[in-house]
Amino acid sequence: MAREATSGFADFGQLELSAEPRAAWNNSPVNARNQVSEGPWYGLYRTISSVNDALIAIDSGLVVVDAQRTSRTHAVGKFMQGISHQYLAFYFDSAVVTDEKLALDTITKPNFVAYPAVSKAAVAQLDSAIAIANRGPDFSLPLDGWLFQGMTRAQFVRLANSFAAKALAQTPRSRAERAAVDWTEVIRRVDAGIQTDFAPVAQPDILWDDWKRLLARLRTVIPSDFGRPSNWVLGPADSSQGFVNYVATPVANRVAFQMRTKDRRIQAAGGPAVAGTYVGYYSANIFAVSRGTYRYSHYFFRRFGTGTTWQTGPQPAVTVTEMNLLKAEALIRLNRAAEAVPLINLSRVSQGQLPPLTVDGPTDEPGCVPRKQNGACGSLWDALRYEKGIEGLGVDGVTAFLDARGWQTLPENTLIHLPIPGRELGVLQRTLYSYGGPGGQGSAPAPDPERCPVALARCP
């Protein structure tokens, strides 16, 4: 939906949700793709329910071996409770907030609250996890189990702060809501957050990252044979007219193109067909023409997920780079753009091998990265969004969407959040409803990608 990845396959609703022009989401419980909403809804509530059981037991006096392990269990339980509600707030228009204090046997009617209240409750639960960890006996988390990454108590507290920063910044559904975020608090959370990537260690058949697997999948000779990096996330780095022409072409007539770029994440120094460190070029496309050539991309993903790496080794989920760029956005919005520049340059220079930018944006020269959709050299704001896109590619399957709705870059009429699943509405005997589509409720406005939140050079 955010044009981060593209595919011509129908799996998990991606075909209908990414079709252009956009249509309303079919929220019927008999829709063959109902797992789009039912999967996260029931999966997150299963997690919350299990965690609440453990927290109720602790509140009732259960000792988990000793005081240290009881404190650890309590803190991690509140953390899981918090991020589960956080993702309910990210995905859905409303949800029921529940914790270990809620007496389920007294409820006659679920109390659904809108996503801002769900997000606020999530942050409060994360703060509770932080408080429990800080006041109890010292502990550490082992590599196996728990969060699948070994960490000290201090590192656990930092992780909770990073998730809280994401909750504050990524819950908004519109440009106006994102502008109204307490960006000073986001900076505080980022500064108190992770100093190394949160990258759970995968184990075959126990923990794996299916998003990375699907983006990099190679079953025979064709790389990224399930989904591919989209022209929209890579295109701003193109120094030819390929992306400019692509954007200017009517949707139904768009076709894939080969880029030329100085960004070494996309293209090595040897030429446009030589793979970069994150993606590479492949001439063949395997998606059906009947499903739209605008879905075609000549680029395959290779940074994560190749071979069996998606089920072995660390799987980056929340990165220091993401936190740096989130802080950079906060600084720009607070009219402290000069302080954002070195944070954007960290990955831009080291990973992209691009010239450092200034507060005026990239140096205006042939091959400028990124460029605007009309081919002009981009602004600092364009550079931030481009960097967030290419560095986040393949890390998870939702951050690009969360950012796009707050930046007003979603394609027009994309749904801005999911409705309560049709199956749940049926159980509650509530009216079926949905979002997205022309003139529909909960549809994204026309994109306005290059308008900056504050006055910057090269901004309209």
Protein backbone atom coordinates (compact mmCIF):
# COMPACT_ATOMS: atom_id res chain seq x y z
CA MET A 1 0.00 0.00 0.00
CA ALA A 2 2.91 2.35 0.67
CA ARG A 3 4.61 1.45 -2.65
CA GLU A 4 7.62 0.10 -0.79
CA ALA A 5 7.35 -3.34 -2.37
CA THR A 6 5.48 -4.55 -5.43
CA SER A 7 4.09 -7.88 -6.56
CA GLY A 8 1.68 -9.41 -9.04
CA PHE A 9 0.60 -12.18 -6.67
CA ALA A 10 -2.62 -12.24 -4.69
CA ASP A 11 -1.23 -13.68 -1.44
CA PHE A 12 -2.31 -11.99 1.78
CA GLY A 13 -4.47 -9.45 -0.04
CA GLN A 14 -1.54 -7.60 -1.58
CA LEU A 15 -3.00 -7.68 -5.10
CA GLU A 16 -6.28 -6.01 -4.20
CA LEU A 17 -4.82 -3.62 -1.62
CA SER A 18 -2.12 -2.34 -3.98
CA ALA A 19 -4.32 -2.15 -7.10
CA GLU A 20 -4.42 1.26 -8.74
CA PRO A 21 -6.79 3.04 -8.69
CA ARG A 22 -7.44 2.06 -5.09
CA ALA A 23 -10.68 0.38 -4.03
CA ALA A 24 -12.30 -0.14 -0.65
CA TRP A 25 -11.05 -3.09 1.40
CA ASN A 26 -13.45 -6.03 1.37
CA ASN A 27 -13.95 -6.59 5.10
CA SER A 28 -16.33 -9.52 4.70
CA PRO A 29 -15.42 -12.50 6.90
CA VAL A 30 -15.78 -14.74 3.82
CA ASN A 31 -13.22 -12.76 1.83
CA ALA A 32 -10.48 -15.27 0.95
CA ARG A 33 -7.95 -12.64 2.05
CA ASN A 34 -9.50 -11.98 5.46
CA GLN A 35 -6.20 -12.78 7.19
CA VAL A 36 -5.07 -9.24 6.31
CA SER A 37 -7.13 -8.04 9.26
CA GLU A 38 -7.85 -11.24 11.20
CA GLY A 39 -4.18 -12.28 11.43
CA PRO A 40 -2.90 -9.26 13.37
CA TRP A 41 -6.16 -8.76 15.29
CA TYR A 42 -6.42 -12.24 16.77
CA GLY A 43 -2.65 -12.76 16.92
CA LEU A 44 -2.10 -9.64 18.99
CA TYR A 45 -5.02 -10.39 21.30
CA ARG A 46 -3.75 -13.95 21.82
CA THR A 47 -0.46 -12.45 22.95
CA ILE A 48 -2.20 -9.95 25.24
CA SER A 49 -4.38 -12.68 26.75
CA SER A 50 -1.41 -14.95 27.49
CA VAL A 51 0.63 -12.12 28.98
CA ASN A 52 -2.29 -10.97 31.12
CA ASP A 53 -2.62 -14.47 32.58
CA ALA A 54 1.02 -14.38 33.65
CA LEU A 55 0.71 -10.87 35.10
CA ILE A 56 -2.44 -11.80 37.03
CA ALA A 57 -0.53 -14.72 38.56
CA ILE A 58 2.34 -12.44 39.60
CA ASP A 59 -0.09 -9.91 41.09
CA SER A 60 -1.60 -12.82 43.03
CA GLY A 61 1.74 -13.65 44.61
CA LEU A 62 3.36 -16.07 42.17
CA VAL A 63 7.14 -16.17 42.51
CA VAL A 64 8.95 -17.21 39.32
CA VAL A 65 11.89 -19.05 40.93
CA ASP A 66 13.18 -15.95 42.75
CA ALA A 67 12.69 -12.19 43.05
CA GLN A 68 15.04 -11.42 40.15
CA ARG A 69 13.24 -13.68 37.69
CA THR A 70 9.84 -12.56 38.91
CA SER A 71 10.80 -8.94 38.26
CA ARG A 72 12.09 -9.88 34.82
CA THR A 73 8.88 -11.73 33.97
CA HIS A 74 6.80 -8.81 35.19
CA ALA A 75 8.75 -6.25 33.16
CA VAL A 76 8.83 -8.28 29.95
CA GLY A 77 5.11 -9.05 30.34
CA LYS A 78 4.23 -5.35 30.50
CA PHE A 79 6.54 -4.74 27.52
CA MET A 80 4.75 -7.38 25.42
CA GLN A 81 1.40 -6.01 26.54
CA GLY A 82 2.48 -2.54 25.47
CA ILE A 83 3.84 -3.35 22.01
CA SER A 84 0.80 -5.56 21.29
CA HIS A 85 -1.52 -2.63 21.95
CA GLN A 86 0.88 -0.40 20.03
CA TYR A 87 0.44 -2.48 16.89
CA LEU A 88 -3.31 -2.64 17.37
CA ALA A 89 -3.19 1.17 17.35
CA PHE A 90 -0.98 1.14 14.25
CA TYR A 91 -3.23 -1.18 12.26
CA PHE A 92 -6.83 -0.62 13.34
CA ASP A 93 -9.23 2.28 13.70
CA SER A 94 -10.14 1.16 17.23
CA ALA A 95 -9.54 -1.66 19.70
CA VAL A 96 -10.30 -2.83 23.22
CA VAL A 97 -7.57 -2.01 25.74
CA THR A 98 -7.13 -4.80 28.23
CA ASP A 99 -4.62 -5.57 30.95
CA GLU A 100 -4.23 -7.74 34.03
CA LYS A 101 -6.51 -5.44 36.06
CA LEU A 102 -9.53 -5.89 33.80
CA ALA A 103 -12.08 -8.39 35.18
CA LEU A 104 -13.19 -10.08 31.98
CA ASP A 105 -16.08 -11.89 33.65
CA THR A 106 -17.76 -8.56 34.40
CA ILE A 107 -17.81 -7.31 30.81
CA THR A 108 -21.14 -7.38 28.98
CA LYS A 109 -20.12 -5.13 26.09
CA PRO A 110 -16.59 -4.54 24.77
CA ASN A 111 -15.36 -0.98 25.16
CA PHE A 112 -13.79 -0.07 21.82
CA VAL A 113 -11.70 3.11 21.90
CA ALA A 114 -10.18 4.99 18.97
CA TYR A 115 -6.56 4.43 17.95
CA PRO A 116 -5.12 7.52 19.76
CA ALA A 117 -6.37 6.15 23.09
CA VAL A 118 -5.05 2.68 22.27
CA SER A 119 -1.64 4.15 21.49
CA LYS A 120 -1.66 6.20 24.69
CA ALA A 121 -2.44 3.05 26.70
CA ALA A 122 0.38 1.22 24.91
CA VAL A 123 2.93 3.87 25.85
CA ALA A 124 1.70 3.76 29.46
CA GLN A 125 2.22 -0.01 29.49
CA LEU A 126 5.72 0.39 28.06
CA ASP A 127 6.45 2.96 30.76
CA SER A 128 5.21 0.49 33.34
CA ALA A 129 7.67 -2.07 31.97
CA ILE A 130 10.46 0.49 32.30
CA ALA A 131 9.46 1.36 35.87
CA ILE A 132 9.25 -2.30 36.95
CA ALA A 133 12.64 -3.05 35.42
CA ASN A 134 14.30 -0.05 37.04
CA ARG A 135 12.94 -0.55 40.56
CA GLY A 136 13.37 -4.32 40.79
CA PRO A 137 16.46 -6.51 41.12
CA ASP A 138 18.91 -6.36 38.24
CA PHE A 139 18.37 -8.94 35.51
CA SER A 140 19.41 -9.89 32.01
CA LEU A 141 17.61 -11.60 29.14
CA PRO A 142 19.20 -14.73 27.69
CA LEU A 143 19.72 -15.18 23.96
CA ASP A 144 17.31 -18.11 23.64
CA GLY A 145 13.65 -17.43 24.26
CA TRP A 146 12.21 -14.28 25.78
CA LEU A 147 12.96 -11.64 23.11
CA PHE A 148 15.46 -13.86 21.25
CA GLN A 149 18.24 -11.35 21.81
CA GLY A 150 20.45 -11.29 24.83
CA MET A 151 20.36 -7.98 26.66
CA THR A 152 20.98 -6.35 29.99
CA ARG A 153 18.27 -4.64 32.01
CA ALA A 154 19.51 -1.26 30.76
CA GLN A 155 19.30 -2.45 27.15
CA PHE A 156 15.77 -3.74 27.75
CA VAL A 157 14.74 -0.32 29.09
CA ARG A 158 16.27 1.32 26.02
CA LEU A 159 14.31 -1.01 23.74
CA ALA A 160 11.05 -0.08 25.46
CA ASN A 161 11.84 3.61 24.94
CA SER A 162 12.48 3.05 21.23
CA PHE A 163 9.13 1.34 20.82
CA ALA A 164 7.50 4.23 22.67
CA ALA A 165 9.16 6.68 20.25
CA LYS A 166 7.70 4.72 17.35
CA ALA A 167 4.26 4.70 18.96
CA LEU A 168 4.28 8.48 19.34
CA ALA A 169 5.49 9.21 15.80
CA GLN A 170 3.84 6.49 13.75
CA THR A 171 0.30 6.27 15.11
CA PRO A 172 -0.95 9.43 13.27
CA ARG A 173 -3.13 8.92 10.22
CA SER A 174 -2.61 12.24 8.48
CA ARG A 175 -0.12 15.02 7.87
CA ALA A 176 -1.91 17.19 10.43
CA GLU A 177 -1.85 14.48 13.10
CA ARG A 178 1.82 13.78 12.54
CA ALA A 179 2.61 17.49 12.76
CA ALA A 180 0.86 17.59 16.14
CA VAL A 181 3.08 14.88 17.67
CA ASP A 182 5.11 15.89 20.71
CA TRP A 183 8.40 15.78 18.82
CA THR A 184 10.42 16.92 21.83
CA GLU A 185 9.21 13.80 23.63
CA VAL A 186 10.11 11.69 20.59
CA ILE A 187 13.67 13.00 20.79
CA ARG A 188 13.79 12.23 24.51
CA ARG A 189 12.67 8.67 23.84
CA VAL A 190 15.12 8.17 20.97
CA ASP A 191 18.00 9.48 23.11
CA ALA A 192 16.97 7.03 25.84
CA GLY A 193 16.52 4.27 23.27
CA ILE A 194 18.56 1.54 21.62
CA GLN A 195 22.25 1.96 20.91
CA THR A 196 22.51 -1.29 18.94
CA ASP A 197 19.99 -2.79 16.55
CA PHE A 198 17.17 -4.85 18.00
CA ALA A 199 17.76 -7.97 15.91
CA PRO A 200 16.22 -11.15 17.37
CA VAL A 201 18.22 -14.25 16.50
CA ALA A 202 16.20 -16.57 14.29
CA GLN A 203 15.94 -20.30 14.83
CA PRO A 204 14.55 -22.72 12.20
CA ASP A 205 10.90 -23.60 12.86
CA ILE A 206 10.85 -21.43 16.01
CA LEU A 207 11.49 -17.81 15.04
CA TRP A 208 11.96 -16.45 11.52
CA ASP A 209 11.35 -13.30 9.47
CA ASP A 210 8.95 -14.12 6.65
CA TRP A 211 9.01 -10.56 5.28
CA LYS A 212 12.72 -10.84 4.56
CA ARG A 213 12.23 -14.31 3.07
CA LEU A 214 9.52 -13.17 0.68
CA LEU A 215 11.37 -10.07 -0.53
CA ALA A 216 14.53 -12.03 -1.31
CA ARG A 217 12.99 -15.37 -2.34
CA LEU A 218 14.77 -17.24 -5.15
CA ARG A 219 13.32 -20.64 -6.00
CA THR A 220 15.02 -21.23 -9.36
CA VAL A 221 17.09 -18.58 -11.14
CA ILE A 222 14.93 -15.47 -10.86
CA PRO A 223 15.71 -13.40 -7.74
CA SER A 224 12.90 -11.77 -5.75
CA ASP A 225 10.36 -14.01 -7.45
CA PHE A 226 7.58 -13.19 -4.96
CA GLY A 227 7.85 -9.45 -4.39
CA ARG A 228 10.32 -6.76 -5.36
CA PRO A 229 11.52 -3.36 -4.21
CA SER A 230 9.23 -0.78 -5.76
CA ASN A 231 10.26 1.85 -8.29
CA TRP A 232 8.80 4.41 -5.89
CA VAL A 233 11.28 3.72 -3.08
CA LEU A 234 14.33 3.45 -5.37
CA GLY A 235 13.33 5.89 -8.09
CA PRO A 236 14.33 9.16 -6.40
CA ALA A 237 17.96 7.99 -6.72
CA ASP A 238 17.70 7.68 -10.53
CA SER A 239 19.91 10.15 -12.41
CA SER A 240 18.38 9.31 -15.81
CA GLN A 241 14.84 10.30 -16.79
CA GLY A 242 13.53 6.81 -16.04
CA PHE A 243 11.73 7.64 -12.81
CA VAL A 244 10.62 11.08 -13.97
CA ASN A 245 9.00 9.49 -17.05
CA TYR A 246 7.54 6.66 -14.94
CA VAL A 247 5.75 9.11 -12.64
CA ALA A 248 4.49 11.21 -15.56
CA THR A 249 3.05 8.18 -17.38
CA PRO A 250 -0.58 7.16 -16.72
CA VAL A 251 -0.74 4.25 -14.27
CA ALA A 252 -2.00 1.68 -16.76
CA ASN A 253 0.89 2.42 -19.13
CA ARG A 254 3.76 2.38 -16.65
CA VAL A 255 6.52 -0.17 -17.21
CA ALA A 256 9.72 -1.07 -15.38
CA PHE A 257 12.93 0.81 -16.17
CA GLN A 258 16.64 0.56 -15.46
CA MET A 259 18.11 3.21 -13.19
CA ARG A 260 21.47 4.90 -13.15
CA THR A 261 22.54 6.12 -9.76
CA LYS A 262 25.44 7.02 -7.54
CA ASP A 263 23.82 5.27 -4.58
CA ARG A 264 25.93 2.17 -4.01
CA ARG A 265 23.09 0.46 -2.18
CA ILE A 266 21.35 0.20 -5.56
CA GLN A 267 24.13 0.07 -8.12
CA ALA A 268 27.82 -0.74 -7.80
CA ALA A 269 30.47 1.38 -9.47
CA GLY A 270 30.71 -1.08 -12.38
CA GLY A 271 27.50 0.10 -14.02
CA PRO A 272 23.70 0.00 -13.82
CA ALA A 273 23.47 -3.79 -14.13
CA VAL A 274 25.96 -4.45 -11.31
CA ALA A 275 24.20 -5.14 -8.00
CA GLY A 276 24.45 -2.70 -5.15
CA THR A 277 24.72 -3.75 -1.52
CA TYR A 278 20.94 -3.72 -0.90
CA VAL A 279 19.37 -4.42 -4.30
CA GLY A 280 20.37 -5.53 -7.77
CA TYR A 281 19.09 -5.30 -11.33
CA TYR A 282 17.41 -8.23 -13.12
CA SER A 283 15.86 -7.78 -16.55
CA ALA A 284 13.05 -10.36 -16.38
CA ASN A 285 9.68 -9.87 -14.74
CA ILE A 286 7.38 -12.75 -13.85
CA PHE A 287 4.11 -11.02 -12.91
CA ALA A 288 1.12 -11.31 -15.23
CA VAL A 289 0.64 -8.42 -17.64
CA SER A 290 -3.11 -8.62 -16.96
CA ARG A 291 -2.49 -7.54 -13.36
CA GLY A 292 -0.80 -4.32 -14.42
CA THR A 293 2.66 -3.58 -15.74
CA TYR A 294 2.83 -0.73 -13.21
CA ARG A 295 3.59 -3.50 -10.73
CA TYR A 296 6.80 -4.45 -12.55
CA SER A 297 10.21 -3.74 -11.09
CA HIS A 298 13.60 -4.77 -12.43
CA TYR A 299 15.11 -4.74 -8.94
CA PHE A 300 15.60 -7.65 -6.57
CA PHE A 301 16.32 -7.53 -2.85
CA ARG A 302 19.57 -8.89 -1.45
CA ARG A 303 20.32 -7.10 1.82
CA PHE A 304 18.41 -9.57 4.00
CA GLY A 305 16.59 -12.86 3.57
CA THR A 306 18.70 -14.56 0.92
CA GLY A 307 19.18 -18.32 1.08
CA THR A 308 18.12 -19.49 4.53
CA THR A 309 19.32 -16.38 6.37
CA TRP A 310 15.70 -15.43 7.20
CA GLN A 311 15.61 -18.31 9.68
CA THR A 312 19.19 -18.16 10.97
CA GLY A 313 21.13 -15.35 12.57
CA PRO A 314 20.05 -11.85 13.63
CA GLN A 315 16.92 -10.38 12.01
CA PRO A 316 16.99 -6.57 12.33
CA ALA A 317 13.58 -5.38 13.49
CA VAL A 318 14.21 -1.93 14.99
CA THR A 319 17.48 -0.34 13.96
CA VAL A 320 19.66 2.45 15.24
CA THR A 321 19.43 3.98 11.75
CA GLU A 322 15.64 4.11 12.01
CA MET A 323 15.95 5.86 15.37
CA ASN A 324 18.52 8.32 13.99
CA LEU A 325 16.23 9.22 11.11
CA LEU A 326 13.21 9.50 13.40
CA LYS A 327 15.18 11.94 15.53
CA ALA A 328 16.21 13.80 12.38
CA GLU A 329 12.55 14.19 11.44
CA ALA A 330 11.81 15.51 14.91
CA LEU A 331 14.64 18.04 14.68
CA ILE A 332 13.46 19.28 11.29
CA ARG A 333 9.92 19.69 12.59
CA LEU A 334 11.24 21.63 15.58
CA ASN A 335 13.10 24.05 13.26
CA ARG A 336 16.47 22.54 14.19
CA ALA A 337 17.25 21.26 10.71
CA ALA A 338 21.01 21.84 10.98
CA GLU A 339 21.12 19.29 13.81
CA ALA A 340 19.32 16.75 11.61
CA VAL A 341 21.91 16.89 8.84
CA PRO A 342 24.64 14.73 10.46
CA LEU A 343 22.05 12.10 11.46
CA ILE A 344 20.85 11.75 7.86
CA ASN A 345 24.43 11.70 6.59
CA LEU A 346 25.36 8.74 8.81
CA SER A 347 23.76 6.13 6.55
CA ARG A 348 23.74 8.28 3.41
CA VAL A 349 27.53 8.50 3.38
CA SER A 350 28.56 5.20 4.94
CA GLN A 351 26.02 2.93 3.24
CA GLY A 352 25.09 4.87 0.11
CA GLN A 353 28.61 6.29 -0.45
CA LEU A 354 26.88 9.53 -1.42
CA PRO A 355 28.23 13.04 -0.88
CA PRO A 356 27.16 14.47 2.46
CA LEU A 357 24.23 16.84 2.32
CA THR A 358 23.80 20.23 3.97
CA VAL A 359 20.78 21.98 5.43
CA ASP A 360 19.97 23.00 1.84
CA GLY A 361 19.83 19.34 0.82
CA PRO A 362 22.07 17.36 -1.55
CA THR A 363 24.56 19.23 -3.71
CA ASP A 364 22.74 20.35 -6.86
CA GLU A 365 24.71 18.46 -9.50
CA PRO A 366 24.17 15.82 -12.19
CA GLY A 367 23.28 12.59 -10.45
CA CYS A 368 21.91 14.32 -7.34
CA VAL A 369 20.35 11.87 -4.86
CA PRO A 370 17.50 12.16 -4.24
CA ARG A 371 15.70 14.00 -6.98
CA LYS A 372 12.14 15.24 -6.95
CA GLN A 373 9.50 13.67 -9.17
CA ASN A 374 10.07 16.41 -11.77
CA GLY A 375 13.82 15.72 -11.86
CA ALA A 376 14.95 18.70 -9.78
CA CYS A 377 17.42 18.10 -6.96
CA GLY A 378 15.66 17.29 -3.72
CA SER A 379 15.43 19.12 -0.42
CA LEU A 380 16.59 18.06 3.03
CA TRP A 381 13.06 16.76 3.62
CA ASP A 382 13.22 14.70 0.41
CA ALA A 383 16.60 13.33 1.52
CA LEU A 384 15.24 12.32 4.92
CA ARG A 385 12.29 10.48 3.41
CA TYR A 386 14.45 8.77 0.78
CA GLU A 387 16.96 7.66 3.41
CA LYS A 388 14.22 6.33 5.67
CA GLY A 389 12.77 4.40 2.74
CA ILE A 390 15.90 2.70 1.46
CA GLU A 391 17.33 1.98 4.92
CA GLY A 392 13.99 0.57 6.10
CA LEU A 393 13.51 -1.62 3.03
CA GLY A 394 13.24 -5.23 4.17
CA VAL A 395 13.46 -4.46 7.88
CA ASP A 396 9.73 -4.83 8.47
CA GLY A 397 6.52 -4.77 6.48
CA VAL A 398 4.71 -1.84 8.08
CA THR A 399 6.95 1.13 8.91
CA ALA A 400 6.85 2.48 5.34
CA PHE A 401 3.04 2.51 5.50
CA LEU A 402 2.99 4.19 8.92
CA ASP A 403 5.33 6.90 7.65
CA ALA A 404 3.53 7.35 4.32
CA ARG A 405 0.16 8.13 5.84
CA GLY A 406 1.71 10.72 8.17
CA TRP A 407 3.76 12.24 5.34
CA GLN A 408 0.79 12.24 2.93
CA THR A 409 2.54 10.08 0.36
CA LEU A 410 0.08 7.18 0.14
CA PRO A 411 -1.62 6.80 -3.24
CA GLU A 412 -4.98 8.54 -3.23
CA ASN A 413 -7.84 6.54 -1.67
CA THR A 414 -5.56 4.01 0.06
CA LEU A 415 -7.16 2.92 3.31
CA ILE A 416 -5.44 4.67 6.22
CA HIS A 417 -6.17 1.88 8.69
CA LEU A 418 -8.00 -1.41 8.92
CA PRO A 419 -11.53 -1.77 10.25
CA ILE A 420 -12.36 -4.17 13.04
CA PRO A 421 -12.34 -7.54 11.22
CA GLY A 422 -15.66 -8.62 9.73
CA ARG A 423 -15.57 -11.86 11.71
CA GLU A 424 -15.35 -9.92 14.97
CA LEU A 425 -18.15 -7.58 13.91
CA GLY A 426 -20.32 -10.59 13.18
CA VAL A 427 -19.74 -12.09 16.62
CA LEU A 428 -20.62 -8.73 18.21
CA GLN A 429 -23.63 -8.31 15.90
CA ARG A 430 -22.30 -5.01 14.68
CA THR A 431 -22.70 -3.56 11.19
CA LEU A 432 -20.03 -4.50 8.67
CA TYR A 433 -17.95 -1.51 7.51
CA SER A 434 -14.65 -0.79 5.81
CA TYR A 435 -12.23 1.88 4.59
CA GLY A 436 -10.56 3.06 1.40
CA GLY A 437 -11.67 3.67 -2.15
CA PRO A 438 -12.95 6.77 -3.95
CA GLY A 439 -15.00 8.97 -1.67
CA GLY A 440 -14.78 6.37 1.03
CA GLN A 441 -14.40 6.85 4.73
CA GLY A 442 -10.81 6.47 5.89
CA SER A 443 -9.32 7.05 2.43
CA ALA A 444 -5.98 8.80 1.97
CA PRO A 445 -6.04 12.20 0.25
CA ALA A 446 -4.13 12.86 -2.95
CA PRO A 447 -0.39 12.57 -2.24
CA ASP A 448 1.60 15.75 -1.72
CA PRO A 449 5.07 14.26 -1.23
CA GLU A 450 7.39 17.22 -1.44
CA ARG A 451 5.66 19.76 0.78
CA CYS A 452 7.86 20.28 3.83
CA PRO A 453 6.64 20.59 7.41
CA VAL A 454 8.76 23.75 7.92
CA ALA A 455 10.49 26.27 5.66
CA LEU A 456 13.45 24.60 3.92
CA ALA A 457 15.36 25.23 0.72
CA ARG A 458 13.82 23.64 -2.39
CA CYS A 459 10.48 23.15 -0.65
CA PRO A 460 7.19 24.32 -2.18
